[in-house]
N, C-alpha and C. Protein backbone atom coordinates (compact mmCIF):
# COMPACT_ATOMS: atom_id res chain seq x y z
N MET A 1 -10.55 4.47 26.54
CA MET A 1 -9.82 5.05 25.45
C MET A 1 -8.74 4.06 25.01
N SER A 2 -8.70 3.72 23.74
CA SER A 2 -7.73 2.74 23.25
C SER A 2 -6.50 3.46 22.70
N ALA A 3 -5.35 2.90 22.98
CA ALA A 3 -4.11 3.45 22.47
C ALA A 3 -3.86 2.90 21.08
N GLU A 4 -3.57 3.80 20.13
CA GLU A 4 -3.30 3.36 18.76
C GLU A 4 -1.92 2.71 18.71
N LYS A 5 -1.87 1.56 18.05
CA LYS A 5 -0.61 0.85 17.89
C LYS A 5 0.34 1.71 17.05
N SER A 6 1.58 1.80 17.50
CA SER A 6 2.58 2.59 16.79
C SER A 6 3.37 1.69 15.85
N MET A 7 3.50 2.12 14.61
CA MET A 7 4.24 1.35 13.62
C MET A 7 5.06 2.34 12.79
N PRO A 8 6.29 1.98 12.44
CA PRO A 8 7.07 2.86 11.57
C PRO A 8 6.31 3.16 10.29
N LYS A 9 6.46 4.38 9.78
CA LYS A 9 5.76 4.77 8.57
C LYS A 9 6.69 4.74 7.37
N VAL A 10 6.13 4.41 6.22
CA VAL A 10 6.85 4.45 4.96
C VAL A 10 7.11 5.91 4.62
N GLN A 11 8.30 6.20 4.14
CA GLN A 11 8.64 7.57 3.77
C GLN A 11 9.05 7.63 2.32
N ILE A 12 8.55 8.65 1.62
CA ILE A 12 9.02 8.90 0.26
C ILE A 12 10.24 9.80 0.40
N LEU A 13 11.40 9.30 0.00
CA LEU A 13 12.62 10.08 0.11
C LEU A 13 12.73 11.09 -1.02
N ARG A 14 12.48 10.65 -2.22
CA ARG A 14 12.53 11.52 -3.39
C ARG A 14 11.54 10.98 -4.42
N ASN A 15 10.98 11.86 -5.21
CA ASN A 15 10.20 11.40 -6.36
C ASN A 15 10.40 12.36 -7.51
N ALA A 16 9.89 11.99 -8.66
CA ALA A 16 10.13 12.78 -9.86
C ALA A 16 9.60 14.20 -9.74
N GLU A 17 8.57 14.42 -8.93
CA GLU A 17 7.98 15.74 -8.81
C GLU A 17 8.73 16.64 -7.84
N ASN A 18 9.31 16.05 -6.76
CA ASN A 18 9.95 16.92 -5.78
C ASN A 18 11.47 16.84 -5.81
N ALA A 19 12.03 16.09 -6.77
CA ALA A 19 13.48 15.98 -6.87
C ALA A 19 14.08 17.34 -7.23
N ASN A 20 15.10 17.73 -6.50
CA ASN A 20 15.79 18.97 -6.76
C ASN A 20 17.25 18.63 -6.93
N LEU A 21 17.77 18.72 -8.15
CA LEU A 21 19.14 18.31 -8.43
C LEU A 21 20.13 19.02 -7.52
N ALA A 22 19.91 20.29 -7.22
CA ALA A 22 20.83 21.03 -6.36
C ALA A 22 20.94 20.38 -4.99
N ASP A 23 19.86 19.80 -4.48
CA ASP A 23 19.90 19.14 -3.17
C ASP A 23 20.71 17.85 -3.21
N LEU A 24 20.82 17.23 -4.39
CA LEU A 24 21.50 15.95 -4.51
C LEU A 24 23.00 16.09 -4.76
N LEU A 25 23.45 17.28 -5.17
CA LEU A 25 24.85 17.49 -5.49
C LEU A 25 25.65 17.83 -4.24
N PRO A 26 26.91 17.39 -4.15
CA PRO A 26 27.75 17.79 -3.04
C PRO A 26 27.88 19.32 -3.01
N LYS A 27 28.09 19.86 -1.83
CA LYS A 27 28.18 21.30 -1.66
C LYS A 27 29.40 21.84 -2.42
N PRO A 28 29.28 22.98 -3.14
CA PRO A 28 30.37 23.50 -3.96
C PRO A 28 31.64 23.80 -3.15
N THR A 29 31.50 24.13 -1.88
CA THR A 29 32.67 24.46 -1.07
C THR A 29 33.60 23.27 -0.92
N ALA A 30 33.11 22.05 -1.17
CA ALA A 30 33.96 20.86 -1.06
C ALA A 30 34.90 20.74 -2.25
N LEU A 31 34.63 21.47 -3.33
CA LEU A 31 35.43 21.35 -4.55
C LEU A 31 36.01 22.72 -4.90
N GLU A 32 37.11 23.07 -4.24
CA GLU A 32 37.72 24.37 -4.49
C GLU A 32 39.16 24.20 -4.94
N GLY A 33 39.70 25.23 -5.58
CA GLY A 33 41.09 25.20 -5.99
C GLY A 33 41.29 24.51 -7.32
N SER A 34 42.55 24.42 -7.73
CA SER A 34 42.85 23.83 -9.03
C SER A 34 43.25 22.36 -8.95
N ALA A 35 43.53 21.86 -7.76
CA ALA A 35 43.92 20.45 -7.61
C ALA A 35 42.68 19.56 -7.73
N PRO A 36 42.85 18.35 -8.32
CA PRO A 36 41.71 17.42 -8.38
C PRO A 36 41.18 17.14 -6.98
N SER A 37 39.88 17.14 -6.84
CA SER A 37 39.25 16.85 -5.55
C SER A 37 37.88 16.26 -5.80
N ASP A 38 37.33 15.68 -4.76
CA ASP A 38 35.97 15.16 -4.88
C ASP A 38 35.25 15.36 -3.56
N ALA A 39 33.97 15.06 -3.56
CA ALA A 39 33.16 15.20 -2.36
C ALA A 39 32.12 14.11 -2.34
N THR A 40 31.77 13.66 -1.17
CA THR A 40 30.74 12.64 -0.99
C THR A 40 29.70 13.20 -0.04
N ASP A 41 28.45 12.97 -0.38
CA ASP A 41 27.35 13.38 0.49
C ASP A 41 26.49 12.15 0.72
N ASN A 42 26.80 11.37 1.75
CA ASN A 42 26.06 10.14 2.02
C ASN A 42 24.63 10.44 2.44
N ALA A 43 23.69 9.78 1.80
CA ALA A 43 22.30 9.88 2.20
C ALA A 43 22.00 8.88 3.31
N ILE A 44 22.60 7.70 3.22
CA ILE A 44 22.36 6.64 4.20
C ILE A 44 23.69 5.93 4.44
N THR A 45 24.04 5.76 5.70
CA THR A 45 25.21 4.96 6.06
C THR A 45 24.70 3.80 6.90
N PRO A 46 24.61 2.61 6.31
CA PRO A 46 24.03 1.50 7.06
C PRO A 46 24.98 0.94 8.11
N GLN A 47 24.44 0.66 9.27
CA GLN A 47 25.14 -0.08 10.31
C GLN A 47 24.54 -1.48 10.24
N ALA A 48 24.92 -2.22 9.23
CA ALA A 48 24.26 -3.50 8.96
C ALA A 48 25.29 -4.62 8.85
N SER A 49 24.85 -5.80 9.23
CA SER A 49 25.71 -6.96 9.07
C SER A 49 25.50 -7.58 7.69
N ARG A 50 24.40 -7.23 7.03
CA ARG A 50 24.12 -7.78 5.71
C ARG A 50 23.38 -6.75 4.88
N VAL A 51 23.81 -6.60 3.64
CA VAL A 51 23.15 -5.70 2.70
C VAL A 51 22.84 -6.52 1.45
N ASP A 52 21.58 -6.51 1.00
CA ASP A 52 21.17 -7.20 -0.22
C ASP A 52 20.68 -6.15 -1.21
N ILE A 53 21.06 -6.34 -2.48
CA ILE A 53 20.63 -5.44 -3.55
C ILE A 53 20.02 -6.31 -4.65
N GLY A 54 18.86 -5.90 -5.15
CA GLY A 54 18.24 -6.70 -6.19
C GLY A 54 17.09 -5.99 -6.86
N PHE A 55 16.32 -6.76 -7.62
CA PHE A 55 15.15 -6.25 -8.34
C PHE A 55 13.95 -7.11 -8.01
N TRP A 56 12.77 -6.52 -8.02
CA TRP A 56 11.52 -7.23 -7.80
C TRP A 56 10.53 -6.76 -8.84
N ALA A 57 9.91 -7.69 -9.54
CA ALA A 57 8.91 -7.35 -10.54
C ALA A 57 7.69 -8.21 -10.30
N CYS A 58 6.52 -7.67 -10.58
CA CYS A 58 5.30 -8.45 -10.39
C CYS A 58 4.18 -7.90 -11.27
N SER A 59 3.15 -8.71 -11.40
CA SER A 59 1.96 -8.32 -12.13
C SER A 59 0.96 -7.73 -11.13
N PRO A 60 -0.13 -7.12 -11.61
CA PRO A 60 -1.12 -6.56 -10.70
C PRO A 60 -1.66 -7.59 -9.72
N GLY A 61 -1.93 -7.15 -8.50
CA GLY A 61 -2.44 -8.03 -7.45
C GLY A 61 -2.08 -7.46 -6.08
N VAL A 62 -2.34 -8.24 -5.06
CA VAL A 62 -2.06 -7.84 -3.68
C VAL A 62 -1.05 -8.81 -3.09
N PHE A 63 0.02 -8.26 -2.51
CA PHE A 63 1.09 -9.05 -1.94
C PHE A 63 1.35 -8.61 -0.51
N THR A 64 1.23 -9.51 0.44
CA THR A 64 1.51 -9.20 1.84
C THR A 64 3.02 -9.08 2.02
N THR A 65 3.44 -8.13 2.85
CA THR A 65 4.87 -7.92 3.06
C THR A 65 5.13 -7.38 4.45
N SER A 66 6.32 -7.60 4.96
CA SER A 66 6.73 -6.99 6.22
C SER A 66 8.23 -6.81 6.22
N ARG A 67 8.70 -5.91 7.01
CA ARG A 67 10.12 -5.65 7.15
C ARG A 67 10.49 -5.92 8.60
N GLN A 68 10.93 -7.13 8.87
CA GLN A 68 11.36 -7.53 10.21
C GLN A 68 12.86 -7.78 10.17
N GLY A 69 13.62 -6.98 10.88
CA GLY A 69 15.06 -7.15 10.92
C GLY A 69 15.83 -6.46 9.81
N VAL A 70 15.12 -5.76 8.91
CA VAL A 70 15.80 -5.02 7.84
C VAL A 70 15.10 -3.69 7.57
N ASN A 71 15.88 -2.73 7.11
CA ASN A 71 15.34 -1.52 6.51
C ASN A 71 15.48 -1.71 5.01
N GLU A 72 14.52 -1.20 4.24
CA GLU A 72 14.57 -1.35 2.79
C GLU A 72 14.45 0.00 2.12
N VAL A 73 15.32 0.25 1.16
CA VAL A 73 15.22 1.43 0.31
C VAL A 73 14.91 0.92 -1.08
N ILE A 74 13.88 1.50 -1.70
CA ILE A 74 13.50 1.06 -3.05
C ILE A 74 13.46 2.24 -4.01
N LEU A 75 13.71 1.93 -5.27
CA LEU A 75 13.52 2.87 -6.35
C LEU A 75 12.51 2.22 -7.28
N VAL A 76 11.35 2.86 -7.46
CA VAL A 76 10.33 2.31 -8.36
C VAL A 76 10.78 2.60 -9.78
N LEU A 77 10.99 1.53 -10.55
CA LEU A 77 11.48 1.65 -11.92
C LEU A 77 10.36 1.78 -12.95
N GLU A 78 9.26 1.06 -12.73
CA GLU A 78 8.12 1.17 -13.65
C GLU A 78 6.84 0.75 -12.94
N GLY A 79 5.73 1.25 -13.46
CA GLY A 79 4.42 0.89 -12.90
C GLY A 79 4.06 1.72 -11.68
N SER A 80 3.02 1.26 -10.99
CA SER A 80 2.58 1.93 -9.77
C SER A 80 1.96 0.92 -8.82
N GLY A 81 2.00 1.28 -7.56
CA GLY A 81 1.42 0.44 -6.52
C GLY A 81 1.22 1.25 -5.27
N THR A 82 0.39 0.74 -4.37
CA THR A 82 0.10 1.41 -3.11
C THR A 82 0.53 0.51 -1.97
N LEU A 83 1.32 1.06 -1.05
CA LEU A 83 1.66 0.34 0.17
C LEU A 83 0.59 0.67 1.20
N VAL A 84 -0.01 -0.37 1.78
CA VAL A 84 -1.07 -0.19 2.77
C VAL A 84 -0.60 -0.86 4.05
N SER A 85 -0.42 -0.07 5.12
CA SER A 85 0.06 -0.63 6.38
C SER A 85 -1.07 -1.40 7.07
N ASP A 86 -0.69 -2.23 8.03
CA ASP A 86 -1.68 -2.96 8.81
C ASP A 86 -2.62 -2.02 9.56
N LEU A 87 -2.19 -0.77 9.75
CA LEU A 87 -3.04 0.23 10.42
C LEU A 87 -3.91 1.01 9.44
N GLY A 88 -3.78 0.71 8.13
CA GLY A 88 -4.62 1.35 7.14
C GLY A 88 -4.01 2.57 6.46
N HIS A 89 -2.77 2.95 6.80
CA HIS A 89 -2.13 4.07 6.10
C HIS A 89 -1.82 3.65 4.67
N ARG A 90 -2.15 4.52 3.72
CA ARG A 90 -1.97 4.22 2.30
C ARG A 90 -1.04 5.25 1.67
N VAL A 91 -0.04 4.77 0.93
CA VAL A 91 0.87 5.66 0.21
C VAL A 91 1.09 5.07 -1.17
N GLU A 92 0.72 5.85 -2.21
CA GLU A 92 0.90 5.37 -3.58
C GLU A 92 2.31 5.70 -4.06
N HIS A 93 2.90 4.78 -4.82
CA HIS A 93 4.23 4.96 -5.38
C HIS A 93 4.18 4.68 -6.86
N ARG A 94 4.98 5.44 -7.62
CA ARG A 94 5.03 5.27 -9.08
C ARG A 94 6.47 5.44 -9.54
N ALA A 95 6.71 5.16 -10.81
CA ALA A 95 8.06 5.23 -11.38
C ALA A 95 8.73 6.54 -11.00
N GLY A 96 9.97 6.42 -10.52
CA GLY A 96 10.74 7.59 -10.11
C GLY A 96 10.77 7.81 -8.61
N ASP A 97 9.84 7.20 -7.87
CA ASP A 97 9.83 7.37 -6.41
C ASP A 97 10.95 6.57 -5.77
N MET A 98 11.59 7.17 -4.77
CA MET A 98 12.55 6.48 -3.92
C MET A 98 11.92 6.45 -2.54
N VAL A 99 11.85 5.25 -1.95
CA VAL A 99 11.05 5.05 -0.75
C VAL A 99 11.85 4.31 0.31
N LEU A 100 11.68 4.68 1.58
CA LEU A 100 12.25 3.94 2.70
C LEU A 100 11.14 3.19 3.40
N ILE A 101 11.28 1.86 3.52
CA ILE A 101 10.34 1.04 4.29
C ILE A 101 11.12 0.56 5.51
N PRO A 102 10.79 1.09 6.70
CA PRO A 102 11.61 0.82 7.88
C PRO A 102 11.37 -0.54 8.52
N ASN A 103 12.36 -0.99 9.27
CA ASN A 103 12.25 -2.19 10.08
C ASN A 103 10.98 -2.10 10.93
N GLY A 104 10.24 -3.17 11.01
CA GLY A 104 9.03 -3.20 11.82
C GLY A 104 7.75 -2.89 11.07
N TRP A 105 7.84 -2.41 9.82
CA TRP A 105 6.64 -2.09 9.04
C TRP A 105 6.04 -3.38 8.49
N SER A 106 4.72 -3.45 8.47
CA SER A 106 4.05 -4.58 7.82
C SER A 106 2.75 -4.12 7.19
N GLY A 107 2.38 -4.82 6.13
CA GLY A 107 1.16 -4.47 5.40
C GLY A 107 1.11 -5.20 4.09
N ALA A 108 0.69 -4.49 3.04
CA ALA A 108 0.54 -5.13 1.73
C ALA A 108 0.86 -4.14 0.62
N TRP A 109 1.36 -4.68 -0.48
CA TRP A 109 1.48 -3.94 -1.73
C TRP A 109 0.20 -4.20 -2.52
N GLU A 110 -0.47 -3.16 -2.97
CA GLU A 110 -1.56 -3.27 -3.94
C GLU A 110 -0.97 -2.80 -5.27
N ILE A 111 -0.67 -3.75 -6.14
CA ILE A 111 -0.02 -3.42 -7.41
C ILE A 111 -1.09 -3.14 -8.46
N HIS A 112 -1.03 -1.93 -9.07
CA HIS A 112 -2.07 -1.48 -10.01
C HIS A 112 -1.77 -1.87 -11.46
N GLU A 113 -0.50 -1.97 -11.80
CA GLU A 113 -0.08 -2.32 -13.16
C GLU A 113 1.29 -2.97 -13.05
N LYS A 114 1.77 -3.56 -14.15
CA LYS A 114 3.07 -4.21 -14.09
C LYS A 114 4.04 -3.31 -13.32
N PHE A 115 4.75 -3.89 -12.37
CA PHE A 115 5.53 -3.11 -11.40
C PHE A 115 6.94 -3.69 -11.29
N LYS A 116 7.92 -2.79 -11.24
CA LYS A 116 9.31 -3.23 -11.06
C LYS A 116 10.01 -2.22 -10.15
N LYS A 117 10.78 -2.76 -9.20
CA LYS A 117 11.54 -1.91 -8.30
C LYS A 117 12.95 -2.47 -8.14
N GLN A 118 13.89 -1.58 -7.84
CA GLN A 118 15.20 -1.98 -7.38
C GLN A 118 15.20 -1.77 -5.89
N TYR A 119 15.79 -2.70 -5.15
CA TYR A 119 15.79 -2.57 -3.69
C TYR A 119 17.17 -2.78 -3.09
N ILE A 120 17.35 -2.19 -1.93
CA ILE A 120 18.51 -2.43 -1.08
C ILE A 120 17.93 -2.69 0.31
N THR A 121 18.23 -3.85 0.89
CA THR A 121 17.82 -4.12 2.27
C THR A 121 19.08 -4.15 3.12
N MET A 122 18.95 -3.59 4.33
CA MET A 122 20.06 -3.53 5.27
C MET A 122 19.61 -4.16 6.58
N ALA A 123 20.27 -5.24 6.99
CA ALA A 123 19.94 -5.90 8.25
C ALA A 123 20.26 -4.97 9.41
N VAL A 124 19.40 -5.01 10.43
CA VAL A 124 19.63 -4.18 11.62
C VAL A 124 20.03 -5.03 12.79
């Protein structure tokens, strides 16, 4: 019996179909009374020595990729593509998807049409 290799999985954090604005807003109890106040609801607090923010655009094709030493959060701005892990897991992403690609993940992007993403990588 062979043991299946364990690899971190790509997660869709939010997409245009399952986004719920109420879930994204700070809780109303944080903003009470007549005095000015604010609230923060952190989705991710990186414990990183380096954070990079940028954009990546490409034409259709296949691009090998891996996340070694960083976690990456992306927002797909336009187009569509499928992330295929080295183990064969496939997850399609399209404009509006917010995705976490964890440290240790490797595989390929299969880009179906002109594709653009904004990314944040956090060193671990």
